[in-house]
Amino acid sequence: MKNYVEYLVDEIDDSDLPKMMVYDSFKGHLEESVKEKFRENGFDLAVIPGGLTSICQPLDVAINKPFKDNL
């Protein structure tokens, strides 16, 4: 995840733009070192609570799940 933060920072040209990362409550996303890395690079963070995937992540329900089921 920390490498991903660095990738995002490299890809975003304008550091003055507001940035927000919305992610699920996967344990690896919630490590303090990951959250700190986002904050250091100017990202606001929002975590989708467990059990709300069907409401907050419709692509996971409509596209990703059927795809994974067919694998």
N, C-alpha and C. Protein backbone atom coordinates (compact mmCIF):
# COMPACT_ATOMS: atom_id res chain seq x y z
N MET A 1 0.82 -1.20 0.00
CA MET A 1 0.00 0.00 0.00
C MET A 1 0.86 1.25 0.00
N LYS A 2 1.95 1.24 0.74
CA LYS A 2 2.79 2.44 0.78
C LYS A 2 3.42 2.71 -0.59
N ASN A 3 3.75 1.66 -1.32
CA ASN A 3 4.26 1.84 -2.69
C ASN A 3 3.17 2.41 -3.58
N TYR A 4 1.93 2.00 -3.35
CA TYR A 4 0.81 2.52 -4.13
C TYR A 4 0.63 4.01 -3.89
N VAL A 5 0.81 4.45 -2.66
CA VAL A 5 0.72 5.89 -2.35
C VAL A 5 1.77 6.65 -3.16
N GLU A 6 2.98 6.13 -3.19
CA GLU A 6 4.04 6.79 -3.96
C GLU A 6 3.71 6.83 -5.44
N TYR A 7 3.13 5.74 -5.95
CA TYR A 7 2.69 5.71 -7.35
C TYR A 7 1.65 6.80 -7.61
N LEU A 8 0.67 6.93 -6.73
CA LEU A 8 -0.37 7.94 -6.90
C LEU A 8 0.21 9.34 -6.89
N VAL A 9 1.12 9.59 -5.97
CA VAL A 9 1.74 10.92 -5.88
C VAL A 9 2.48 11.24 -7.17
N ASP A 10 3.17 10.26 -7.73
CA ASP A 10 3.88 10.48 -8.99
C ASP A 10 2.93 10.76 -10.15
N GLU A 11 1.75 10.14 -10.12
CA GLU A 11 0.79 10.28 -11.22
C GLU A 11 -0.03 11.57 -11.14
N ILE A 12 -0.16 12.14 -9.98
CA ILE A 12 -0.96 13.35 -9.81
C ILE A 12 -0.06 14.55 -10.05
N ASP A 13 -0.39 15.31 -11.09
CA ASP A 13 0.46 16.44 -11.48
C ASP A 13 0.34 17.63 -10.54
N ASP A 14 -0.86 17.94 -10.11
CA ASP A 14 -1.08 19.16 -9.33
C ASP A 14 -1.24 18.81 -7.85
N SER A 15 -0.21 19.08 -7.07
CA SER A 15 -0.25 18.74 -5.65
C SER A 15 -1.17 19.65 -4.85
N ASP A 16 -1.64 20.76 -5.47
CA ASP A 16 -2.55 21.67 -4.78
C ASP A 16 -4.00 21.18 -4.81
N LEU A 17 -4.29 20.22 -5.66
CA LEU A 17 -5.65 19.70 -5.73
C LEU A 17 -5.98 18.88 -4.49
N PRO A 18 -7.21 18.97 -4.00
CA PRO A 18 -7.59 18.10 -2.87
C PRO A 18 -7.62 16.65 -3.32
N LYS A 19 -7.22 15.75 -2.42
CA LYS A 19 -7.17 14.34 -2.76
C LYS A 19 -7.85 13.54 -1.65
N MET A 20 -8.61 12.53 -2.04
CA MET A 20 -9.26 11.65 -1.07
C MET A 20 -9.11 10.21 -1.52
N MET A 21 -8.80 9.34 -0.57
CA MET A 21 -8.72 7.91 -0.84
C MET A 21 -9.85 7.25 -0.06
N VAL A 22 -10.69 6.52 -0.78
CA VAL A 22 -11.78 5.77 -0.16
C VAL A 22 -11.44 4.29 -0.33
N TYR A 23 -11.36 3.57 0.79
CA TYR A 23 -11.01 2.16 0.71
C TYR A 23 -11.76 1.35 1.75
N ASP A 24 -11.74 0.04 1.57
CA ASP A 24 -12.50 -0.83 2.47
C ASP A 24 -11.69 -1.10 3.74
N SER A 25 -12.28 -1.85 4.64
CA SER A 25 -11.67 -2.05 5.95
C SER A 25 -10.73 -3.26 6.00
N PHE A 26 -10.15 -3.61 4.86
CA PHE A 26 -9.13 -4.66 4.82
C PHE A 26 -8.01 -4.30 5.80
N LYS A 27 -7.57 -5.26 6.58
CA LYS A 27 -6.60 -5.02 7.65
C LYS A 27 -5.33 -4.30 7.16
N GLY A 28 -4.83 -4.68 5.99
CA GLY A 28 -3.63 -4.05 5.46
C GLY A 28 -3.79 -2.58 5.14
N HIS A 29 -5.03 -2.16 4.84
CA HIS A 29 -5.28 -0.75 4.56
C HIS A 29 -5.31 0.08 5.82
N LEU A 30 -5.59 -0.55 6.95
CA LEU A 30 -5.81 0.18 8.19
C LEU A 30 -4.57 0.33 9.05
N GLU A 31 -3.43 -0.19 8.60
CA GLU A 31 -2.20 -0.05 9.37
C GLU A 31 -1.85 1.42 9.51
N GLU A 32 -1.40 1.79 10.69
CA GLU A 32 -1.08 3.20 10.95
C GLU A 32 -0.03 3.74 9.99
N SER A 33 0.95 2.91 9.62
CA SER A 33 2.00 3.38 8.70
C SER A 33 1.42 3.73 7.32
N VAL A 34 0.41 2.99 6.89
CA VAL A 34 -0.24 3.26 5.60
C VAL A 34 -1.04 4.56 5.69
N LYS A 35 -1.81 4.70 6.76
CA LYS A 35 -2.60 5.92 6.93
C LYS A 35 -1.69 7.15 7.02
N GLU A 36 -0.58 7.02 7.72
CA GLU A 36 0.36 8.13 7.86
C GLU A 36 0.97 8.51 6.51
N LYS A 37 1.27 7.50 5.69
CA LYS A 37 1.84 7.76 4.36
C LYS A 37 0.85 8.56 3.50
N PHE A 38 -0.43 8.20 3.56
CA PHE A 38 -1.44 8.98 2.84
C PHE A 38 -1.49 10.41 3.35
N ARG A 39 -1.53 10.57 4.66
CA ARG A 39 -1.61 11.92 5.26
C ARG A 39 -0.39 12.77 4.88
N GLU A 40 0.80 12.18 4.92
CA GLU A 40 2.02 12.90 4.56
C GLU A 40 1.96 13.46 3.15
N ASN A 41 1.22 12.77 2.29
CA ASN A 41 1.12 13.18 0.89
C ASN A 41 -0.17 13.93 0.58
N GLY A 42 -0.86 14.41 1.61
CA GLY A 42 -2.00 15.29 1.42
C GLY A 42 -3.31 14.61 1.08
N PHE A 43 -3.46 13.34 1.37
CA PHE A 43 -4.71 12.63 1.10
C PHE A 43 -5.61 12.65 2.33
N ASP A 44 -6.88 12.95 2.12
CA ASP A 44 -7.89 12.70 3.15
C ASP A 44 -8.31 11.25 3.01
N LEU A 45 -8.63 10.60 4.11
CA LEU A 45 -8.97 9.18 4.10
C LEU A 45 -10.41 8.94 4.50
N ALA A 46 -11.04 7.97 3.85
CA ALA A 46 -12.38 7.54 4.21
C ALA A 46 -12.40 6.02 4.10
N VAL A 47 -12.86 5.36 5.14
CA VAL A 47 -12.92 3.90 5.17
C VAL A 47 -14.37 3.45 5.11
N ILE A 48 -14.67 2.54 4.19
CA ILE A 48 -16.01 1.96 4.09
C ILE A 48 -16.13 0.89 5.17
N PRO A 49 -17.07 1.05 6.09
CA PRO A 49 -17.21 0.05 7.15
C PRO A 49 -17.62 -1.32 6.60
N GLY A 50 -17.20 -2.36 7.31
CA GLY A 50 -17.57 -3.71 6.92
C GLY A 50 -19.08 -3.88 6.83
N GLY A 51 -19.53 -4.70 5.89
CA GLY A 51 -20.95 -4.96 5.72
C GLY A 51 -21.66 -3.98 4.81
N LEU A 52 -20.96 -2.96 4.34
CA LEU A 52 -21.60 -1.96 3.48
C LEU A 52 -21.13 -2.02 2.03
N THR A 53 -20.46 -3.10 1.67
CA THR A 53 -19.96 -3.23 0.30
C THR A 53 -21.07 -3.08 -0.72
N SER A 54 -22.20 -3.72 -0.50
CA SER A 54 -23.28 -3.67 -1.49
C SER A 54 -23.83 -2.27 -1.69
N ILE A 55 -23.67 -1.42 -0.70
CA ILE A 55 -24.18 -0.04 -0.80
C ILE A 55 -23.10 0.90 -1.34
N CYS A 56 -21.89 0.77 -0.81
CA CYS A 56 -20.83 1.72 -1.13
C CYS A 56 -19.91 1.30 -2.27
N GLN A 57 -19.93 0.03 -2.63
CA GLN A 57 -19.07 -0.46 -3.70
C GLN A 57 -19.89 -1.30 -4.68
N PRO A 58 -20.78 -0.67 -5.41
CA PRO A 58 -21.67 -1.43 -6.31
C PRO A 58 -20.92 -2.21 -7.39
N LEU A 59 -19.76 -1.73 -7.84
CA LEU A 59 -19.02 -2.48 -8.85
C LEU A 59 -18.52 -3.81 -8.31
N ASP A 60 -18.20 -3.86 -7.02
CA ASP A 60 -17.79 -5.14 -6.43
C ASP A 60 -18.92 -6.16 -6.49
N VAL A 61 -20.15 -5.69 -6.32
CA VAL A 61 -21.30 -6.58 -6.32
C VAL A 61 -21.73 -6.92 -7.74
N ALA A 62 -21.79 -5.92 -8.61
CA ALA A 62 -22.36 -6.11 -9.95
C ALA A 62 -21.38 -6.69 -10.96
N ILE A 63 -20.09 -6.42 -10.79
CA ILE A 63 -19.12 -6.85 -11.81
C ILE A 63 -18.08 -7.80 -11.23
N ASN A 64 -17.40 -7.39 -10.18
CA ASN A 64 -16.29 -8.19 -9.66
C ASN A 64 -16.73 -9.54 -9.12
N LYS A 65 -17.81 -9.60 -8.35
CA LYS A 65 -18.26 -10.87 -7.77
C LYS A 65 -18.66 -11.87 -8.84
N PRO A 66 -19.52 -11.49 -9.80
CA PRO A 66 -19.85 -12.47 -10.86
C PRO A 66 -18.61 -12.92 -11.64
N PHE A 67 -17.68 -12.00 -11.88
CA PHE A 67 -16.45 -12.37 -12.59
C PHE A 67 -15.67 -13.41 -11.78
N LYS A 68 -15.48 -13.16 -10.49
CA LYS A 68 -14.75 -14.09 -9.64
C LYS A 68 -15.47 -15.43 -9.51
N ASP A 69 -16.81 -15.39 -9.44
CA ASP A 69 -17.57 -16.63 -9.37
C ASP A 69 -17.40 -17.50 -10.60
N ASN A 70 -17.22 -16.86 -11.75
CA ASN A 70 -17.06 -17.61 -13.01
C ASN A 70 -15.64 -18.12 -13.22
N LEU A 71 -14.70 -17.60 -12.44
CA LEU A 71 -13.33 -18.10 -12.54
C LEU A 71 -13.32 -19.48 -11.96
